Amino acid sequence: MQLLAQIVTGLVALIHVYIVLLETVLFQSRGRRVFGLTQEKADIVQPAMSNQGCYNGFLVAALVVGFMHPNPAIASAFTVFGLACVAVAGVWGGVTVKRSILLIQTLPAVVALALHFA
């Protein structure tokens, strides 16, 4: 079960690496299309999206520390913290931005958390 938890956690991390890229360096190209924004709207929201991408990068960092820290208790704490933050952010995004965020972001994080504690 622990291996499956690590695989799903890795998937969550990879999803967030992609989100970071969409919200920062790829925002004016691929990101704008993924988020369905006109060029005019993209120009207005780009600074906020870049900031949001930075926060998503911190979520990735927590999950990476969870994978790499040599102390299992500390690694677990980082993993649980990162997944819980992803889940909460996903719920908030699903409520305030787009419901599909619940499936893309929240569901994988909740599944990974459940597997982590199974």
N, C-alpha and C. Protein backbone atom coordinates (compact mmCIF):
# COMPACT_ATOMS: atom_id res chain seq x y z
N MET A 1 0.83 -1.20 0.00
CA MET A 1 0.00 0.00 0.00
C MET A 1 0.87 1.26 0.00
N GLN A 2 2.00 1.16 0.69
CA GLN A 2 2.89 2.33 0.76
C GLN A 2 3.45 2.70 -0.61
N LEU A 3 3.75 1.69 -1.43
CA LEU A 3 4.24 1.96 -2.78
C LEU A 3 3.18 2.68 -3.60
N LEU A 4 1.94 2.24 -3.50
CA LEU A 4 0.85 2.89 -4.21
C LEU A 4 0.68 4.34 -3.73
N ALA A 5 0.81 4.56 -2.43
CA ALA A 5 0.74 5.92 -1.89
C ALA A 5 1.84 6.79 -2.48
N GLN A 6 3.03 6.25 -2.61
CA GLN A 6 4.14 7.01 -3.19
C GLN A 6 3.90 7.30 -4.67
N ILE A 7 3.34 6.35 -5.38
CA ILE A 7 3.06 6.55 -6.81
C ILE A 7 2.03 7.67 -6.99
N VAL A 8 0.95 7.62 -6.22
CA VAL A 8 -0.09 8.64 -6.35
C VAL A 8 0.44 10.00 -5.89
N THR A 9 1.25 10.01 -4.83
CA THR A 9 1.86 11.26 -4.38
C THR A 9 2.78 11.83 -5.47
N GLY A 10 3.52 10.97 -6.12
CA GLY A 10 4.37 11.41 -7.23
C GLY A 10 3.54 12.00 -8.36
N LEU A 11 2.39 11.39 -8.64
CA LEU A 11 1.48 11.92 -9.65
C LEU A 11 1.00 13.32 -9.26
N VAL A 12 0.64 13.49 -8.00
CA VAL A 12 0.20 14.80 -7.51
C VAL A 12 1.33 15.83 -7.71
N ALA A 13 2.54 15.44 -7.37
CA ALA A 13 3.68 16.35 -7.55
C ALA A 13 3.86 16.72 -9.02
N LEU A 14 3.78 15.73 -9.90
CA LEU A 14 3.93 16.00 -11.34
C LEU A 14 2.82 16.89 -11.88
N ILE A 15 1.60 16.67 -11.43
CA ILE A 15 0.49 17.55 -11.83
C ILE A 15 0.80 18.98 -11.44
N HIS A 16 1.35 19.15 -10.24
CA HIS A 16 1.64 20.51 -9.77
C HIS A 16 2.86 21.13 -10.44
N VAL A 17 3.80 20.32 -10.86
CA VAL A 17 4.90 20.86 -11.67
C VAL A 17 4.32 21.44 -12.95
N TYR A 18 3.41 20.69 -13.57
CA TYR A 18 2.75 21.17 -14.79
C TYR A 18 1.97 22.46 -14.52
N ILE A 19 1.24 22.50 -13.41
CA ILE A 19 0.47 23.70 -13.07
C ILE A 19 1.41 24.89 -12.86
N VAL A 20 2.52 24.67 -12.17
CA VAL A 20 3.50 25.75 -11.97
C VAL A 20 3.96 26.29 -13.32
N LEU A 21 4.29 25.39 -14.22
CA LEU A 21 4.75 25.82 -15.55
C LEU A 21 3.66 26.58 -16.30
N LEU A 22 2.42 26.10 -16.23
CA LEU A 22 1.32 26.78 -16.90
C LEU A 22 1.09 28.19 -16.35
N GLU A 23 1.25 28.33 -15.04
CA GLU A 23 0.96 29.61 -14.41
C GLU A 23 2.13 30.59 -14.46
N THR A 24 3.29 30.11 -14.83
CA THR A 24 4.47 31.00 -14.85
C THR A 24 5.05 31.09 -16.25
N VAL A 25 6.00 30.25 -16.58
CA VAL A 25 6.76 30.40 -17.82
C VAL A 25 5.95 30.10 -19.08
N LEU A 26 4.90 29.30 -18.99
CA LEU A 26 4.10 28.98 -20.17
C LEU A 26 2.76 29.72 -20.19
N PHE A 27 2.59 30.71 -19.31
CA PHE A 27 1.27 31.33 -19.16
C PHE A 27 0.78 32.01 -20.44
N GLN A 28 1.63 32.75 -21.11
CA GLN A 28 1.17 33.50 -22.29
C GLN A 28 0.97 32.60 -23.51
N SER A 29 1.41 31.39 -23.46
CA SER A 29 1.21 30.49 -24.60
C SER A 29 0.21 29.39 -24.19
N ARG A 30 0.71 28.30 -23.74
CA ARG A 30 -0.13 27.15 -23.38
C ARG A 30 -1.07 27.47 -22.20
N GLY A 31 -0.56 28.15 -21.19
CA GLY A 31 -1.36 28.46 -20.02
C GLY A 31 -2.61 29.26 -20.35
N ARG A 32 -2.45 30.25 -21.19
CA ARG A 32 -3.59 31.09 -21.58
C ARG A 32 -4.67 30.24 -22.24
N ARG A 33 -4.27 29.31 -23.10
CA ARG A 33 -5.24 28.44 -23.77
C ARG A 33 -5.89 27.46 -22.80
N VAL A 34 -5.09 26.86 -21.91
CA VAL A 34 -5.63 25.90 -20.94
C VAL A 34 -6.66 26.58 -20.03
N PHE A 35 -6.37 27.81 -19.62
CA PHE A 35 -7.28 28.53 -18.73
C PHE A 35 -8.40 29.24 -19.48
N GLY A 36 -8.38 29.18 -20.81
CA GLY A 36 -9.45 29.76 -21.61
C GLY A 36 -9.54 31.27 -21.55
N LEU A 37 -8.39 31.93 -21.56
CA LEU A 37 -8.36 33.39 -21.43
C LEU A 37 -8.05 34.06 -22.76
N THR A 38 -8.69 35.17 -23.00
CA THR A 38 -8.31 35.99 -24.14
C THR A 38 -6.96 36.63 -23.83
N GLN A 39 -6.30 37.13 -24.86
CA GLN A 39 -5.02 37.80 -24.64
C GLN A 39 -5.17 38.98 -23.69
N GLU A 40 -6.27 39.73 -23.86
CA GLU A 40 -6.51 40.90 -23.01
C GLU A 40 -6.65 40.50 -21.53
N LYS A 41 -7.43 39.46 -21.27
CA LYS A 41 -7.59 38.99 -19.87
C LYS A 41 -6.28 38.41 -19.34
N ALA A 42 -5.57 37.68 -20.19
CA ALA A 42 -4.30 37.09 -19.77
C ALA A 42 -3.31 38.18 -19.35
N ASP A 43 -3.27 39.27 -20.09
CA ASP A 43 -2.37 40.38 -19.74
C ASP A 43 -2.72 40.96 -18.37
N ILE A 44 -4.01 41.00 -18.06
CA ILE A 44 -4.46 41.56 -16.78
C ILE A 44 -4.12 40.65 -15.61
N VAL A 45 -4.34 39.34 -15.78
CA VAL A 45 -4.19 38.40 -14.65
C VAL A 45 -2.80 37.77 -14.56
N GLN A 46 -1.93 38.04 -15.52
CA GLN A 46 -0.62 37.38 -15.53
C GLN A 46 0.15 37.54 -14.22
N PRO A 47 0.23 38.73 -13.63
CA PRO A 47 0.98 38.83 -12.36
C PRO A 47 0.39 37.95 -11.25
N ALA A 48 -0.94 37.91 -11.14
CA ALA A 48 -1.57 37.08 -10.12
C ALA A 48 -1.34 35.60 -10.40
N MET A 49 -1.41 35.20 -11.65
CA MET A 49 -1.18 33.80 -12.01
C MET A 49 0.26 33.39 -11.71
N SER A 50 1.19 34.28 -11.98
CA SER A 50 2.59 33.99 -11.69
C SER A 50 2.79 33.80 -10.19
N ASN A 51 2.15 34.64 -9.40
CA ASN A 51 2.22 34.51 -7.95
C ASN A 51 1.60 33.18 -7.50
N GLN A 52 0.47 32.84 -8.09
CA GLN A 52 -0.19 31.57 -7.77
C GLN A 52 0.71 30.40 -8.15
N GLY A 53 1.40 30.52 -9.27
CA GLY A 53 2.34 29.47 -9.68
C GLY A 53 3.46 29.29 -8.68
N CYS A 54 3.89 30.39 -8.09
CA CYS A 54 4.92 30.33 -7.06
C CYS A 54 4.43 29.52 -5.86
N TYR A 55 3.21 29.75 -5.44
CA TYR A 55 2.64 28.99 -4.32
C TYR A 55 2.50 27.52 -4.67
N ASN A 56 2.10 27.22 -5.89
CA ASN A 56 2.02 25.82 -6.31
C ASN A 56 3.40 25.18 -6.31
N GLY A 57 4.42 25.98 -6.59
CA GLY A 57 5.80 25.47 -6.51
C GLY A 57 6.16 25.08 -5.09
N PHE A 58 5.66 25.81 -4.11
CA PHE A 58 5.92 25.46 -2.72
C PHE A 58 5.27 24.12 -2.36
N LEU A 59 4.10 23.85 -2.93
CA LEU A 59 3.45 22.56 -2.70
C LEU A 59 4.30 21.43 -3.27
N VAL A 60 4.82 21.65 -4.47
CA VAL A 60 5.72 20.65 -5.06
C VAL A 60 6.94 20.45 -4.17
N ALA A 61 7.49 21.54 -3.66
CA ALA A 61 8.68 21.45 -2.82
C ALA A 61 8.41 20.60 -1.57
N ALA A 62 7.26 20.79 -0.96
CA ALA A 62 6.92 19.99 0.23
C ALA A 62 6.86 18.51 -0.12
N LEU A 63 6.26 18.19 -1.26
CA LEU A 63 6.15 16.78 -1.67
C LEU A 63 7.52 16.21 -2.02
N VAL A 64 8.37 16.99 -2.63
CA VAL A 64 9.72 16.52 -2.97
C VAL A 64 10.52 16.26 -1.69
N VAL A 65 10.41 17.15 -0.72
CA VAL A 65 11.09 16.91 0.56
C VAL A 65 10.56 15.63 1.19
N GLY A 66 9.25 15.40 1.06
CA GLY A 66 8.66 14.16 1.58
C GLY A 66 9.26 12.92 0.93
N PHE A 67 9.62 13.02 -0.33
CA PHE A 67 10.25 11.89 -1.02
C PHE A 67 11.72 11.73 -0.65
N MET A 68 12.39 12.84 -0.38
CA MET A 68 13.85 12.79 -0.29
C MET A 68 14.42 12.83 1.12
N HIS A 69 13.64 13.27 2.10
CA HIS A 69 14.21 13.41 3.45
C HIS A 69 14.58 12.03 4.01
N PRO A 70 15.77 11.92 4.59
CA PRO A 70 16.21 10.61 5.08
C PRO A 70 15.48 10.13 6.34
N ASN A 71 14.93 11.05 7.11
CA ASN A 71 14.21 10.67 8.32
C ASN A 71 12.76 10.36 7.94
N PRO A 72 12.30 9.11 8.11
CA PRO A 72 10.95 8.74 7.68
C PRO A 72 9.84 9.57 8.34
N ALA A 73 10.00 9.94 9.60
CA ALA A 73 8.96 10.71 10.27
C ALA A 73 8.85 12.12 9.68
N ILE A 74 10.00 12.72 9.40
CA ILE A 74 10.00 14.06 8.79
C ILE A 74 9.49 13.98 7.35
N ALA A 75 9.92 12.97 6.63
CA ALA A 75 9.45 12.78 5.26
C ALA A 75 7.93 12.63 5.23
N SER A 76 7.40 11.84 6.13
CA SER A 76 5.96 11.63 6.20
C SER A 76 5.23 12.93 6.53
N ALA A 77 5.78 13.70 7.46
CA ALA A 77 5.16 14.97 7.84
C ALA A 77 5.09 15.93 6.64
N PHE A 78 6.17 16.01 5.87
CA PHE A 78 6.17 16.87 4.69
C PHE A 78 5.17 16.38 3.66
N THR A 79 5.09 15.07 3.47
CA THR A 79 4.16 14.50 2.50
C THR A 79 2.72 14.81 2.90
N VAL A 80 2.39 14.55 4.15
CA VAL A 80 1.03 14.81 4.63
C VAL A 80 0.70 16.30 4.54
N PHE A 81 1.64 17.15 4.94
CA PHE A 81 1.42 18.59 4.86
C PHE A 81 1.19 19.02 3.41
N GLY A 82 2.06 18.56 2.50
CA GLY A 82 1.93 18.93 1.10
C GLY A 82 0.62 18.46 0.50
N LEU A 83 0.26 17.22 0.75
CA LEU A 83 -1.00 16.68 0.21
C LEU A 83 -2.22 17.38 0.80
N ALA A 84 -2.19 17.67 2.09
CA ALA A 84 -3.30 18.37 2.72
C ALA A 84 -3.45 19.78 2.13
N CYS A 85 -2.34 20.46 1.91
CA CYS A 85 -2.39 21.80 1.30
C CYS A 85 -2.94 21.73 -0.12
N VAL A 86 -2.52 20.73 -0.88
CA VAL A 86 -3.03 20.56 -2.25
C VAL A 86 -4.54 20.32 -2.20
N ALA A 87 -4.99 19.47 -1.29
CA ALA A 87 -6.41 19.17 -1.19
C ALA A 87 -7.22 20.41 -0.83
N VAL A 88 -6.76 21.17 0.14
CA VAL A 88 -7.47 22.39 0.56
C VAL A 88 -7.48 23.41 -0.58
N ALA A 89 -6.34 23.61 -1.21
CA ALA A 89 -6.27 24.55 -2.33
C ALA A 89 -7.18 24.09 -3.47
N GLY A 90 -7.25 22.79 -3.69
CA GLY A 90 -8.12 22.27 -4.72
C GLY A 90 -9.59 22.49 -4.43
N VAL A 91 -9.98 22.30 -3.17
CA VAL A 91 -11.37 22.57 -2.79
C VAL A 91 -11.69 24.04 -3.01
N TRP A 92 -10.80 24.90 -2.56
CA TRP A 92 -11.02 26.35 -2.73
C TRP A 92 -11.10 26.71 -4.22
N GLY A 93 -10.19 26.16 -5.01
CA GLY A 93 -10.24 26.42 -6.45
C GLY A 93 -11.50 25.87 -7.08
N GLY A 94 -11.95 24.71 -6.64
CA GLY A 94 -13.18 24.12 -7.16
C GLY A 94 -14.41 24.95 -6.84
N VAL A 95 -14.40 25.57 -5.67
CA VAL A 95 -15.53 26.40 -5.25
C VAL A 95 -15.49 27.78 -5.91
N THR A 96 -14.31 28.35 -6.04
CA THR A 96 -14.20 29.74 -6.48
C THR A 96 -13.85 29.93 -7.96
N VAL A 97 -13.26 28.92 -8.60
CA VAL A 97 -12.79 29.11 -9.96
C VAL A 97 -13.50 28.17 -10.94
N LYS A 98 -13.31 26.86 -10.76
CA LYS A 98 -13.81 25.89 -11.73
C LYS A 98 -13.96 24.54 -11.04
N ARG A 99 -15.11 23.93 -11.17
CA ARG A 99 -15.37 22.66 -10.47
C ARG A 99 -14.42 21.54 -10.87
N SER A 100 -13.92 21.57 -12.08
CA SER A 100 -13.03 20.49 -12.54
C SER A 100 -11.74 20.43 -11.72
N ILE A 101 -11.41 21.51 -11.02
CA ILE A 101 -10.23 21.51 -10.16
C ILE A 101 -10.37 20.46 -9.06
N LEU A 102 -11.61 20.20 -8.66
CA LEU A 102 -11.84 19.17 -7.64
C LEU A 102 -11.35 17.80 -8.13
N LEU A 103 -11.56 17.51 -9.40
CA LEU A 103 -11.12 16.23 -9.96
C LEU A 103 -9.64 16.21 -10.28
N ILE A 104 -9.13 17.31 -10.77
CA ILE A 104 -7.74 17.38 -11.22
C ILE A 104 -6.77 17.50 -10.05
N GLN A 105 -7.15 18.25 -9.03
CA GLN A 105 -6.22 18.57 -7.95
C GLN A 105 -6.61 17.91 -6.63
N THR A 106 -7.86 18.06 -6.23
CA THR A 106 -8.27 17.59 -4.91
C THR A 106 -8.33 16.07 -4.82
N LEU A 107 -9.00 15.45 -5.78
CA LEU A 107 -9.19 14.00 -5.72
C LEU A 107 -7.87 13.22 -5.64
N PRO A 108 -6.89 13.50 -6.51
CA PRO A 108 -5.63 12.76 -6.38
C PRO A 108 -4.94 12.97 -5.02
N ALA A 109 -5.01 14.19 -4.49
CA ALA A 109 -4.38 14.46 -3.19
C ALA A 109 -5.08 13.70 -2.07
N VAL A 110 -6.40 13.66 -2.10
CA VAL A 110 -7.16 12.94 -1.07
C VAL A 110 -6.90 11.44 -1.17
N VAL A 111 -6.84 10.92 -2.40
CA VAL A 111 -6.54 9.50 -2.58
C VAL A 111 -5.14 9.19 -2.03
N ALA A 112 -4.17 10.04 -2.34
CA ALA A 112 -2.80 9.83 -1.84
C ALA A 112 -2.77 9.88 -0.31
N LEU A 113 -3.50 10.82 0.28
CA LEU A 113 -3.56 10.89 1.75
C LEU A 113 -4.17 9.62 2.32
N ALA A 114 -5.27 9.17 1.73
CA ALA A 114 -5.92 7.95 2.23
C ALA A 114 -4.97 6.75 2.13
N LEU A 115 -4.26 6.65 1.02
CA LEU A 115 -3.31 5.54 0.86
C LEU A 115 -2.15 5.67 1.85
N HIS A 116 -1.74 6.90 2.11
CA HIS A 116 -0.64 7.14 3.05
C HIS A 116 -0.98 6.61 4.45
N PHE A 117 -2.25 6.77 4.82
CA PHE A 117 -2.67 6.36 6.16
C PHE A 117 -3.26 4.94 6.20
N ALA A 118 -3.35 4.28 5.06
CA ALA A 118 -3.95 2.93 5.02
C ALA A 118 -2.98 1.89 5.56
